[in-house]
Amino acid sequence: MAANDIEALEMQIYELTIRLNKLRQAASGGEVGAYRFATQAGEVSLLDLFGEKDTLLLIHNMGQGCRYCTLWADGFNGFLPHLESAMSVVLVSKDDPELQRRFANSRGWRFRLASHGGGDYMTEQSVQDGGGNLPGAVVYTRDGNKVRRKNAVIFGPGDRFCSAWNLLALAGLDEGSWTPQFAYWQRPALMDDGGANLPD
């Protein structure tokens, strides 16, 4: 594909993104129930997760066993202060609160965390109808004690929510040629320490 074809397609995507964002701004969504979550400080409600903000971003993470969800969260962690200037941000997964915190600490994540435990919240508020525990994000708004689901999106390789995919795409790489890992250490051909007791 010629460079001018790429530029033309990028402009179309840009224009469509502006249209999409205007539709998202206008979305109001339906009222949702009083879901409960487990945290290290005890049980909390969906309403509690708003804190002092009227908008809440819940990042749906599949749990510490998913390399892809870890990639997304690693990226979001970097601009978390910017997001939190506009809304409350909480990462939720099925993992219990202690496991969530241990894994978050191992990654240097600063998110507030809550566990849905795979219960009613994930059954009824998945990022995709009937989808269950899928990666993505849901934005809620509140008016007094009422909570509305404003917008939701599913995450997947190549999407616009993980900048790594777009940078990899510039190099001609995609999910068929690259898979995220928890760590990228590679065994050198020669170990300066002798190489005893290396992990598999």
Protein backbone atom coordinates (compact mmCIF):
# COMPACT_ATOMS: atom_id res chain seq x y z
CA MET A 1 0.00 0.00 0.00
CA ALA A 2 1.37 3.43 -0.95
CA ALA A 3 2.12 5.99 1.74
CA ASN A 4 -0.68 8.28 0.54
CA ASP A 5 -3.16 5.38 0.85
CA ILE A 6 -2.05 4.86 4.44
CA GLU A 7 -2.46 8.58 5.18
CA ALA A 8 -5.93 8.64 3.62
CA LEU A 9 -7.04 5.65 5.69
CA GLU A 10 -5.59 7.18 8.86
CA MET A 11 -7.62 10.34 8.18
CA GLN A 12 -10.80 8.28 7.76
CA ILE A 13 -10.14 6.51 11.05
CA TYR A 14 -9.49 9.87 12.74
CA GLU A 15 -12.77 11.32 11.43
CA LEU A 16 -14.72 8.21 12.43
CA THR A 17 -13.16 8.37 15.90
CA ILE A 18 -14.39 11.96 16.32
CA ARG A 19 -17.90 10.85 15.33
CA LEU A 20 -17.72 7.89 17.70
CA ASN A 21 -16.61 10.09 20.59
CA LYS A 22 -19.50 12.51 20.01
CA LEU A 23 -21.92 9.58 20.22
CA ARG A 24 -20.25 8.45 23.44
CA GLN A 25 -20.58 11.95 24.89
CA ALA A 26 -24.32 11.90 24.21
CA ALA A 27 -24.90 8.41 25.66
CA SER A 28 -26.80 8.32 28.94
CA GLY A 29 -27.29 4.61 29.55
CA GLY A 30 -29.64 2.72 31.80
CA GLU A 31 -29.75 2.57 35.57
CA VAL A 32 -27.89 -0.33 37.18
CA GLY A 33 -28.19 -2.18 40.45
CA ALA A 34 -26.30 -1.90 43.72
CA TYR A 35 -23.49 -4.34 43.03
CA ARG A 36 -21.08 -5.34 45.78
CA PHE A 37 -17.32 -5.85 45.55
CA ALA A 38 -14.64 -7.22 47.86
CA THR A 39 -11.61 -5.09 48.70
CA GLN A 40 -8.78 -5.38 51.22
CA ALA A 41 -10.67 -2.85 53.36
CA GLY A 42 -13.90 -4.89 53.25
CA GLU A 43 -17.03 -5.03 51.11
CA VAL A 44 -18.01 -1.95 49.12
CA SER A 45 -20.80 -1.02 46.73
CA LEU A 46 -20.57 0.20 43.15
CA LEU A 47 -21.67 3.59 44.46
CA ASP A 48 -18.80 3.59 46.98
CA LEU A 49 -16.28 3.17 44.16
CA PHE A 50 -17.15 6.64 42.82
CA GLY A 51 -15.50 8.28 45.81
CA GLU A 52 -15.90 12.05 45.40
CA LYS A 53 -16.35 11.93 41.61
CA ASP A 54 -19.56 11.61 39.61
CA THR A 55 -17.93 9.49 36.90
CA LEU A 56 -16.35 6.08 37.41
CA LEU A 57 -14.13 4.12 35.04
CA LEU A 58 -14.08 0.41 35.86
CA ILE A 59 -11.30 -1.42 34.07
CA HIS A 60 -12.37 -5.04 33.57
CA ASN A 61 -9.27 -7.20 33.99
CA MET A 62 -9.50 -10.98 33.60
CA GLY A 63 -7.06 -11.51 36.46
CA GLN A 64 -3.39 -12.16 37.14
CA GLY A 65 -3.36 -15.15 34.78
CA CYS A 66 -3.90 -13.04 31.63
CA ARG A 67 -0.86 -11.61 29.86
CA TYR A 68 -3.02 -9.45 27.60
CA CYS A 69 -4.95 -7.85 30.47
CA THR A 70 -1.62 -7.20 32.16
CA LEU A 71 -0.38 -5.39 29.03
CA TRP A 72 -3.41 -3.08 29.03
CA ALA A 73 -3.13 -2.34 32.74
CA ASP A 74 0.62 -1.70 32.47
CA GLY A 75 -0.19 0.99 29.91
CA PHE A 76 -3.07 2.58 31.82
CA ASN A 77 -0.96 2.72 34.97
CA GLY A 78 1.35 5.21 33.31
CA PHE A 79 -1.34 7.83 32.80
CA LEU A 80 -3.48 6.97 35.82
CA PRO A 81 -3.01 10.41 37.46
CA HIS A 82 -4.36 12.08 34.31
CA LEU A 83 -7.43 9.83 34.30
CA GLU A 84 -8.02 10.32 38.02
CA SER A 85 -8.08 14.10 37.56
CA ALA A 86 -11.34 13.60 35.63
CA MET A 87 -12.97 10.52 37.19
CA SER A 88 -12.55 7.71 39.68
CA VAL A 89 -10.66 4.72 38.31
CA VAL A 90 -10.86 1.18 39.71
CA LEU A 91 -9.47 -2.04 38.28
CA VAL A 92 -11.75 -5.02 38.91
CA SER A 93 -11.09 -8.71 38.39
CA LYS A 94 -12.28 -12.08 39.67
CA ASP A 95 -9.15 -12.52 41.82
CA ASP A 96 -9.50 -12.15 45.57
CA PRO A 97 -8.30 -8.82 47.04
CA GLU A 98 -5.05 -10.17 48.47
CA LEU A 99 -4.03 -11.78 45.18
CA GLN A 100 -5.01 -8.60 43.32
CA ARG A 101 -2.78 -6.48 45.55
CA ARG A 102 0.21 -8.84 45.38
CA PHE A 103 0.05 -8.94 41.60
CA ALA A 104 -0.52 -5.18 41.32
CA ASN A 105 2.49 -4.55 43.56
CA SER A 106 4.64 -6.87 41.43
CA ARG A 107 3.75 -4.74 38.39
CA GLY A 108 4.05 -1.36 40.11
CA TRP A 109 0.34 -0.64 39.53
CA ARG A 110 -1.23 2.21 41.50
CA PHE A 111 -4.88 1.37 40.76
CA ARG A 112 -7.58 1.15 43.36
CA LEU A 113 -8.65 -2.50 43.22
CA ALA A 114 -11.90 -4.38 43.76
CA SER A 115 -12.91 -8.00 43.21
CA HIS A 116 -16.21 -8.94 41.59
CA GLY A 117 -15.45 -12.59 42.32
CA GLY A 118 -17.14 -13.68 39.08
CA GLY A 119 -20.59 -12.98 40.55
CA ASP A 120 -23.61 -10.96 39.47
CA TYR A 121 -21.63 -7.89 38.50
CA MET A 122 -19.65 -9.70 35.82
CA THR A 123 -22.66 -11.70 34.67
CA GLU A 124 -24.81 -8.59 34.20
CA GLN A 125 -22.25 -5.86 33.48
CA SER A 126 -19.81 -7.57 31.12
CA VAL A 127 -18.30 -5.31 28.47
CA GLN A 128 -20.15 -7.40 25.88
CA ASP A 129 -23.69 -8.78 26.21
CA GLY A 130 -23.45 -12.34 27.47
CA GLY A 131 -19.68 -12.07 27.45
CA GLY A 132 -18.79 -12.84 31.05
CA ASN A 133 -15.29 -12.10 32.33
CA LEU A 134 -13.89 -10.27 29.29
CA PRO A 135 -11.28 -7.50 29.25
CA GLY A 136 -12.54 -3.99 28.66
CA ALA A 137 -13.87 -0.93 30.42
CA VAL A 138 -17.21 0.43 31.57
CA VAL A 139 -17.93 4.05 32.47
CA TYR A 140 -20.68 4.78 34.99
CA THR A 141 -22.16 8.09 36.06
CA ARG A 142 -24.07 8.85 39.22
CA ASP A 143 -26.85 11.21 40.12
CA GLY A 144 -27.43 11.06 43.85
CA ASN A 145 -27.85 7.37 44.68
CA LYS A 146 -28.65 6.39 41.09
CA VAL A 147 -25.92 4.85 38.93
CA ARG A 148 -26.11 4.68 35.14
CA ARG A 149 -23.96 2.74 32.70
CA LYS A 150 -22.79 5.32 30.17
CA ASN A 151 -20.44 3.45 27.81
CA ALA A 152 -18.56 0.17 27.55
CA VAL A 153 -15.86 -1.24 25.31
CA ILE A 154 -14.15 -4.59 24.91
CA PHE A 155 -10.35 -4.74 24.72
CA GLY A 156 -8.55 -6.87 22.17
CA PRO A 157 -5.26 -7.11 20.27
CA GLY A 158 -4.83 -4.19 17.91
CA ASP A 159 -7.39 -1.92 19.60
CA ARG A 160 -6.95 1.81 20.29
CA PHE A 161 -6.86 1.36 24.07
CA CYS A 162 -3.38 -0.15 24.19
CA SER A 163 -0.83 2.05 22.47
CA ALA A 164 1.70 -0.79 22.28
CA TRP A 165 -0.34 -2.47 19.52
CA ASN A 166 -0.30 0.67 17.39
CA LEU A 167 3.45 1.07 17.77
CA LEU A 168 4.01 -2.61 16.97
CA ALA A 169 1.78 -2.20 13.91
CA LEU A 170 4.10 0.53 12.62
CA ALA A 171 6.79 -2.16 12.55
CA GLY A 172 4.48 -4.61 10.78
CA LEU A 173 3.79 -6.72 13.88
CA ASP A 174 0.37 -7.89 15.11
CA GLU A 175 -1.15 -10.50 17.43
CA GLY A 176 -0.08 -13.23 15.02
CA SER A 177 3.59 -12.33 15.29
CA TRP A 178 3.87 -10.98 18.86
CA THR A 179 2.43 -12.10 22.19
CA PRO A 180 2.79 -10.12 25.43
CA GLN A 181 4.63 -11.77 28.29
CA PHE A 182 4.86 -11.03 31.99
CA ALA A 183 8.65 -10.58 31.60
CA TYR A 184 11.12 -10.64 28.71
CA TRP A 185 14.36 -11.98 30.15
CA GLN A 186 16.19 -14.18 27.67
CA ARG A 187 18.88 -16.62 28.67
CA PRO A 188 22.27 -15.45 27.36
CA ALA A 189 24.36 -17.95 25.40
CA LEU A 190 27.06 -17.57 28.07
CA MET A 191 26.22 -16.88 31.74
CA ASP A 192 28.85 -14.83 33.56
CA ASP A 193 27.84 -16.43 36.86
CA GLY A 194 28.24 -19.99 35.57
CA GLY A 195 24.56 -20.55 34.84
CA ALA A 196 23.64 -22.95 37.67
CA ASN A 197 19.99 -23.27 38.77
CA LEU A 198 18.44 -21.19 35.97
CA PRO A 199 14.63 -21.20 35.75
CA ASP A 200 13.06 -22.99 32.80
